[in-house]
Amino acid sequence: MALTVAQVDAAITSILTDGQKYVIGDREYTQADLEDLIALRKTAVSEERTAGKGMFQRVRFGTVGA
């Protein structure tokens, strides 16, 4: 199951401010998992950036000379 950046951010924020654990789906994350959550966040950011790019965002266009 691929997590979204929002889900990972919610887990990190909850662990740091509200308590020592957070559940996403069937997985429980604890304070000991913060490094794993940070790595998951980096992956989720990368995946969301890649998925959100259409053809015109992937191709760099030059300027037309006059």
PDB file of N, CA and C in Angstrom:
ATOM      1  N   MET A   1       0.838  -1.168   0.000  1.00  0.00           N
ATOM      2  CA  MET A   1       0.000   0.000   0.000  1.00  0.00           C
ATOM      3  C   MET A   1       0.887   1.236   0.000  1.00  0.00           C
ATOM      4  N   ALA A   2       0.746   2.054  -1.006  1.00  0.00           N
ATOM      5  CA  ALA A   2       1.518   3.283  -1.085  1.00  0.00           C
ATOM      6  C   ALA A   2       0.831   4.365  -0.256  1.00  0.00           C
ATOM      7  N   LEU A   3       1.595   4.989   0.596  1.00  0.00           N
ATOM      8  CA  LEU A   3       1.059   6.045   1.444  1.00  0.00           C
ATOM      9  C   LEU A   3       1.211   7.390   0.762  1.00  0.00           C
ATOM     10  N   THR A   4       0.291   8.291   1.055  1.00  0.00           N
ATOM     11  CA  THR A   4       0.385   9.644   0.522  1.00  0.00           C
ATOM     12  C   THR A   4       1.221  10.496   1.467  1.00  0.00           C
ATOM     13  N   VAL A   5       1.680  11.631   0.957  1.00  0.00           N
ATOM     14  CA  VAL A   5       2.451  12.558   1.779  1.00  0.00           C
ATOM     15  C   VAL A   5       1.595  13.019   2.961  1.00  0.00           C
ATOM     16  N   ALA A   6       0.319  13.273   2.711  1.00  0.00           N
ATOM     17  CA  ALA A   6      -0.582  13.730   3.774  1.00  0.00           C
ATOM     18  C   ALA A   6      -0.703  12.686   4.890  1.00  0.00           C
ATOM     19  N   GLN A   7      -0.785  11.415   4.529  1.00  0.00           N
ATOM     20  CA  GLN A   7      -0.891  10.356   5.531  1.00  0.00           C
ATOM     21  C   GLN A   7       0.375  10.277   6.373  1.00  0.00           C
ATOM     22  N   VAL A   8       1.517  10.351   5.715  1.00  0.00           N
ATOM     23  CA  VAL A   8       2.790  10.267   6.429  1.00  0.00           C
ATOM     24  C   VAL A   8       2.972  11.496   7.319  1.00  0.00           C
ATOM     25  N   ASP A   9       2.636  12.676   6.796  1.00  0.00           N
ATOM     26  CA  ASP A   9       2.734  13.899   7.601  1.00  0.00           C
ATOM     27  C   ASP A   9       1.842  13.818   8.834  1.00  0.00           C
ATOM     28  N   ALA A  10       0.634  13.291   8.663  1.00  0.00           N
ATOM     29  CA  ALA A  10      -0.284  13.145   9.792  1.00  0.00           C
ATOM     30  C   ALA A  10       0.300  12.206  10.844  1.00  0.00           C
ATOM     31  N   ALA A  11       0.909  11.128  10.404  1.00  0.00           N
ATOM     32  CA  ALA A  11       1.508  10.178  11.336  1.00  0.00           C
ATOM     33  C   ALA A  11       2.663  10.818  12.100  1.00  0.00           C
ATOM     34  N   ILE A  12       3.539  11.505  11.388  1.00  0.00           N
ATOM     35  CA  ILE A  12       4.694  12.148  12.031  1.00  0.00           C
ATOM     36  C   ILE A  12       4.219  13.198  13.031  1.00  0.00           C
ATOM     37  N   THR A  13       3.286  14.036  12.608  1.00  0.00           N
ATOM     38  CA  THR A  13       2.772  15.089  13.488  1.00  0.00           C
ATOM     39  C   THR A  13       2.108  14.508  14.725  1.00  0.00           C
ATOM     40  N   SER A  14       1.302  13.479  14.524  1.00  0.00           N
ATOM     41  CA  SER A  14       0.606  12.864  15.648  1.00  0.00           C
ATOM     42  C   SER A  14       1.579  12.251  16.644  1.00  0.00           C
ATOM     43  N   ILE A  15       2.578  11.561  16.146  1.00  0.00           N
ATOM     44  CA  ILE A  15       3.558  10.925  17.028  1.00  0.00           C
ATOM     45  C   ILE A  15       4.323  11.981  17.818  1.00  0.00           C
ATOM     46  N   LEU A  16       4.692  13.072  17.155  1.00  0.00           N
ATOM     47  CA  LEU A  16       5.489  14.099  17.829  1.00  0.00           C
ATOM     48  C   LEU A  16       4.672  14.952  18.802  1.00  0.00           C
ATOM     49  N   THR A  17       3.386  15.125  18.534  1.00  0.00           N
ATOM     50  CA  THR A  17       2.607  16.044  19.369  1.00  0.00           C
ATOM     51  C   THR A  17       1.610  15.362  20.293  1.00  0.00           C
ATOM     52  N   ASP A  18       0.973  14.292  19.826  1.00  0.00           N
ATOM     53  CA  ASP A  18      -0.147  13.722  20.578  1.00  0.00           C
ATOM     54  C   ASP A  18       0.185  12.458  21.354  1.00  0.00           C
ATOM     55  N   GLY A  19       1.158  11.739  20.922  1.00  0.00           N
ATOM     56  CA  GLY A  19       1.392  10.472  21.607  1.00  0.00           C
ATOM     57  C   GLY A  19       2.542   9.717  21.005  1.00  0.00           C
ATOM     58  N   GLN A  20       2.556   8.457  21.279  1.00  0.00           N
ATOM     59  CA  GLN A  20       3.675   7.648  20.858  1.00  0.00           C
ATOM     60  C   GLN A  20       3.365   6.693  19.716  1.00  0.00           C
ATOM     61  N   LYS A  21       2.109   6.664  19.250  1.00  0.00           N
ATOM     62  CA  LYS A  21       1.812   5.757  18.139  1.00  0.00           C
ATOM     63  C   LYS A  21       0.732   6.340  17.243  1.00  0.00           C
ATOM     64  N   TYR A  22       0.681   5.816  16.006  1.00  0.00           N
ATOM     65  CA  TYR A  22      -0.294   6.250  15.015  1.00  0.00           C
ATOM     66  C   TYR A  22      -0.558   5.067  14.105  1.00  0.00           C
ATOM     67  N   VAL A  23      -1.800   4.864  13.712  1.00  0.00           N
ATOM     68  CA  VAL A  23      -2.167   3.720  12.880  1.00  0.00           C
ATOM     69  C   VAL A  23      -2.625   4.216  11.515  1.00  0.00           C
ATOM     70  N   ILE A  24      -2.051   3.632  10.461  1.00  0.00           N
ATOM     71  CA  ILE A  24      -2.485   3.863   9.085  1.00  0.00           C
ATOM     72  C   ILE A  24      -2.824   2.491   8.517  1.00  0.00           C
ATOM     73  N   GLY A  25      -4.093   2.297   8.216  1.00  0.00           N
ATOM     74  CA  GLY A  25      -4.516   0.994   7.706  1.00  0.00           C
ATOM     75  C   GLY A  25      -4.289  -0.076   8.748  1.00  0.00           C
ATOM     76  N   ASP A  26      -3.522  -1.093   8.411  1.00  0.00           N
ATOM     77  CA  ASP A  26      -3.250  -2.176   9.344  1.00  0.00           C
ATOM     78  C   ASP A  26      -1.865  -2.063   9.979  1.00  0.00           C
ATOM     79  N   ARG A  27      -1.181  -0.951   9.738  1.00  0.00           N
ATOM     80  CA  ARG A  27       0.184  -0.765  10.250  1.00  0.00           C
ATOM     81  C   ARG A  27       0.189   0.273  11.360  1.00  0.00           C
ATOM     82  N   GLU A  28       0.863  -0.033  12.457  1.00  0.00           N
ATOM     83  CA  GLU A  28       1.009   0.899  13.568  1.00  0.00           C
ATOM     84  C   GLU A  28       2.431   1.445  13.572  1.00  0.00           C
ATOM     85  N   TYR A  29       2.541   2.756  13.636  1.00  0.00           N
ATOM     86  CA  TYR A  29       3.840   3.418  13.696  1.00  0.00           C
ATOM     87  C   TYR A  29       4.030   3.992  15.085  1.00  0.00           C
ATOM     88  N   THR A  30       5.244   3.868  15.610  1.00  0.00           N
ATOM     89  CA  THR A  30       5.561   4.402  16.930  1.00  0.00           C
ATOM     90  C   THR A  30       6.692   5.409  16.802  1.00  0.00           C
ATOM     91  N   GLN A  31       7.057   5.999  17.928  1.00  0.00           N
ATOM     92  CA  GLN A  31       8.139   6.970  17.919  1.00  0.00           C
ATOM     93  C   GLN A  31       9.433   6.346  17.392  1.00  0.00           C
ATOM     94  N   ALA A  32       9.606   5.072  17.620  1.00  0.00           N
ATOM     95  CA  ALA A  32      10.793   4.376  17.133  1.00  0.00           C
ATOM     96  C   ALA A  32      10.822   4.286  15.610  1.00  0.00           C
ATOM     97  N   ASP A  33       9.668   4.479  14.954  1.00  0.00           N
ATOM     98  CA  ASP A  33       9.565   4.381  13.500  1.00  0.00           C
ATOM     99  C   ASP A  33       9.718   5.734  12.788  1.00  0.00           C
ATOM    100  N   LEU A  34      10.087   6.779  13.502  1.00  0.00           N
ATOM    101  CA  LEU A  34      10.165   8.103  12.876  1.00  0.00           C
ATOM    102  C   LEU A  34      11.126   8.135  11.686  1.00  0.00           C
ATOM    103  N   GLU A  35      12.257   7.480  11.796  1.00  0.00           N
ATOM    104  CA  GLU A  35      13.195   7.450  10.668  1.00  0.00           C
ATOM    105  C   GLU A  35      12.565   6.756   9.461  1.00  0.00           C
ATOM    106  N   ASP A  36      11.836   5.688   9.705  1.00  0.00           N
ATOM    107  CA  ASP A  36      11.142   4.984   8.617  1.00  0.00           C
ATOM    108  C   ASP A  36      10.077   5.884   7.993  1.00  0.00           C
ATOM    109  N   LEU A  37       9.354   6.629   8.834  1.00  0.00           N
ATOM    110  CA  LEU A  37       8.322   7.531   8.320  1.00  0.00           C
ATOM    111  C   LEU A  37       8.934   8.651   7.479  1.00  0.00           C
ATOM    112  N   ILE A  38      10.072   9.153   7.894  1.00  0.00           N
ATOM    113  CA  ILE A  38      10.738  10.199   7.120  1.00  0.00           C
ATOM    114  C   ILE A  38      11.177   9.654   5.766  1.00  0.00           C
ATOM    115  N   ALA A  39      11.691   8.433   5.742  1.00  0.00           N
ATOM    116  CA  ALA A  39      12.062   7.799   4.473  1.00  0.00           C
ATOM    117  C   ALA A  39      10.826   7.564   3.611  1.00  0.00           C
ATOM    118  N   LEU A  40       9.717   7.121   4.227  1.00  0.00           N
ATOM    119  CA  LEU A  40       8.469   6.932   3.489  1.00  0.00           C
ATOM    120  C   LEU A  40       7.969   8.251   2.906  1.00  0.00           C
ATOM    121  N   ARG A  41       8.144   9.325   3.653  1.00  0.00           N
ATOM    122  CA  ARG A  41       7.707  10.638   3.173  1.00  0.00           C
ATOM    123  C   ARG A  41       8.488  11.046   1.929  1.00  0.00           C
ATOM    124  N   LYS A  42       9.801  10.831   1.956  1.00  0.00           N
ATOM    125  CA  LYS A  42      10.626  11.164   0.784  1.00  0.00           C
ATOM    126  C   LYS A  42      10.159  10.377  -0.439  1.00  0.00           C
ATOM    127  N   THR A  43       9.872   9.105  -0.242  1.00  0.00           N
ATOM    128  CA  THR A  43       9.388   8.264  -1.335  1.00  0.00           C
ATOM    129  C   THR A  43       8.032   8.748  -1.834  1.00  0.00           C
ATOM    130  N   ALA A  44       7.125   9.076  -0.911  1.00  0.00           N
ATOM    131  CA  ALA A  44       5.786   9.528  -1.284  1.00  0.00           C
ATOM    132  C   ALA A  44       5.842  10.852  -2.038  1.00  0.00           C
ATOM    133  N   VAL A  45       6.713  11.769  -1.601  1.00  0.00           N
ATOM    134  CA  VAL A  45       6.865  13.053  -2.300  1.00  0.00           C
ATOM    135  C   VAL A  45       7.338  12.809  -3.726  1.00  0.00           C
ATOM    136  N   SER A  46       8.321  11.951  -3.878  1.00  0.00           N
ATOM    137  CA  SER A  46       8.852  11.634  -5.205  1.00  0.00           C
ATOM    138  C   SER A  46       7.784  11.013  -6.097  1.00  0.00           C
ATOM    139  N   GLU A  47       7.029  10.057  -5.548  1.00  0.00           N
ATOM    140  CA  GLU A  47       5.979   9.396  -6.333  1.00  0.00           C
ATOM    141  C   GLU A  47       4.875  10.367  -6.733  1.00  0.00           C
ATOM    142  N   GLU A  48       4.487  11.261  -5.814  1.00  0.00           N
ATOM    143  CA  GLU A  48       3.431  12.210  -6.129  1.00  0.00           C
ATOM    144  C   GLU A  48       3.895  13.231  -7.171  1.00  0.00           C
ATOM    145  N   ARG A  49       5.147  13.629  -7.096  1.00  0.00           N
ATOM    146  CA  ARG A  49       5.669  14.560  -8.105  1.00  0.00           C
ATOM    147  C   ARG A  49       5.687  13.905  -9.480  1.00  0.00           C
ATOM    148  N   THR A  50       6.124  12.661  -9.539  1.00  0.00           N
ATOM    149  CA  THR A  50       6.196  11.943 -10.807  1.00  0.00           C
ATOM    150  C   THR A  50       4.805  11.682 -11.366  1.00  0.00           C
ATOM    151  N   ALA A  51       3.872  11.268 -10.514  1.00  0.00           N
ATOM    152  CA  ALA A  51       2.523  10.944 -10.963  1.00  0.00           C
ATOM    153  C   ALA A  51       1.765  12.178 -11.421  1.00  0.00           C
ATOM    154  N   GLY A  52       2.067  13.329 -10.855  1.00  0.00           N
ATOM    155  CA  GLY A  52       1.339  14.541 -11.175  1.00  0.00           C
ATOM    156  C   GLY A  52       1.801  15.254 -12.423  1.00  0.00           C
ATOM    157  N   LYS A  53       2.861  14.778 -13.018  1.00  0.00           N
ATOM    158  CA  LYS A  53       3.398  15.463 -14.185  1.00  0.00           C
ATOM    159  C   LYS A  53       2.801  14.915 -15.470  1.00  0.00           C
ATOM    160  N   GLY A  54       2.198  15.783 -16.214  1.00  0.00           N
ATOM    161  CA  GLY A  54       1.702  15.420 -17.531  1.00  0.00           C
ATOM    162  C   GLY A  54       2.785  15.654 -18.561  1.00  0.00           C
ATOM    163  N   MET A  55       2.467  15.448 -19.815  1.00  0.00           N
ATOM    164  CA  MET A  55       3.443  15.590 -20.888  1.00  0.00           C
ATOM    165  C   MET A  55       4.050  16.985 -20.917  1.00  0.00           C
ATOM    166  N   PHE A  56       3.232  18.009 -20.740  1.00  0.00           N
ATOM    167  CA  PHE A  56       3.740  19.365 -20.859  1.00  0.00           C
ATOM    168  C   PHE A  56       4.584  19.784 -19.664  1.00  0.00           C
ATOM    169  N   GLN A  57       4.459  19.108 -18.553  1.00  0.00           N
ATOM    170  CA  GLN A  57       5.302  19.403 -17.404  1.00  0.00           C
ATOM    171  C   GLN A  57       6.628  18.661 -17.485  1.00  0.00           C
ATOM    172  N   ARG A  58       6.659  17.543 -18.201  1.00  0.00           N
ATOM    173  CA  ARG A  58       7.893  16.776 -18.318  1.00  0.00           C
ATOM    174  C   ARG A  58       8.799  17.316 -19.409  1.00  0.00           C
ATOM    175  N   VAL A  59       8.208  17.965 -20.407  1.00  0.00           N
ATOM    176  CA  VAL A  59       8.979  18.453 -21.546  1.00  0.00           C
ATOM    177  C   VAL A  59       9.274  19.924 -21.337  1.00  0.00           C
ATOM    178  N   ARG A  60      10.511  20.294 -21.502  1.00  0.00           N
ATOM    179  CA  ARG A  60      10.885  21.696 -21.360  1.00  0.00           C
ATOM    180  C   ARG A  60      10.902  22.328 -22.756  1.00  0.00           C
ATOM    181  N   PHE A  61      10.126  23.384 -22.906  1.00  0.00           N
ATOM    182  CA  PHE A  61      10.040  24.076 -24.163  1.00  0.00           C
ATOM    183  C   PHE A  61      10.944  25.293 -24.168  1.00  0.00           C
ATOM    184  N   GLY A  62      11.607  25.532 -25.283  1.00  0.00           N
ATOM    185  CA  GLY A  62      12.432  26.737 -25.430  1.00  0.00           C
ATOM    186  C   GLY A  62      11.603  27.894 -25.925  1.00  0.00           C
ATOM    187  N   THR A  63      12.212  29.033 -25.991  1.00  0.00           N
ATOM    188  CA  THR A  63      11.492  30.214 -26.507  1.00  0.00           C
ATOM    189  C   THR A  63      11.624  30.270 -28.001  1.00  0.00           C
ATOM    190  N   VAL A  64      10.623  30.871 -28.635  1.00  0.00           N
ATOM    191  CA  VAL A  64      10.625  31.014 -30.080  1.00  0.00           C
ATOM    192  C   VAL A  64      11.218  32.368 -30.402  1.00  0.00           C
ATOM    193  N   GLY A  65      12.236  32.369 -31.271  1.00  0.00           N
ATOM    194  CA  GLY A  65      12.879  33.616 -31.640  1.00  0.00           C
ATOM    195  C   GLY A  65      11.987  34.442 -32.564  1.00  0.00           C
ATOM    196  N   ALA A  66      12.068  35.731 -32.409  1.00  0.00           N
ATOM    197  CA  ALA A  66      11.219  36.623 -33.233  1.00  0.00           C
ATOM    198  C   ALA A  66      11.998  37.176 -34.387  1.00  0.00           C
TER     199      ALA A  66
END
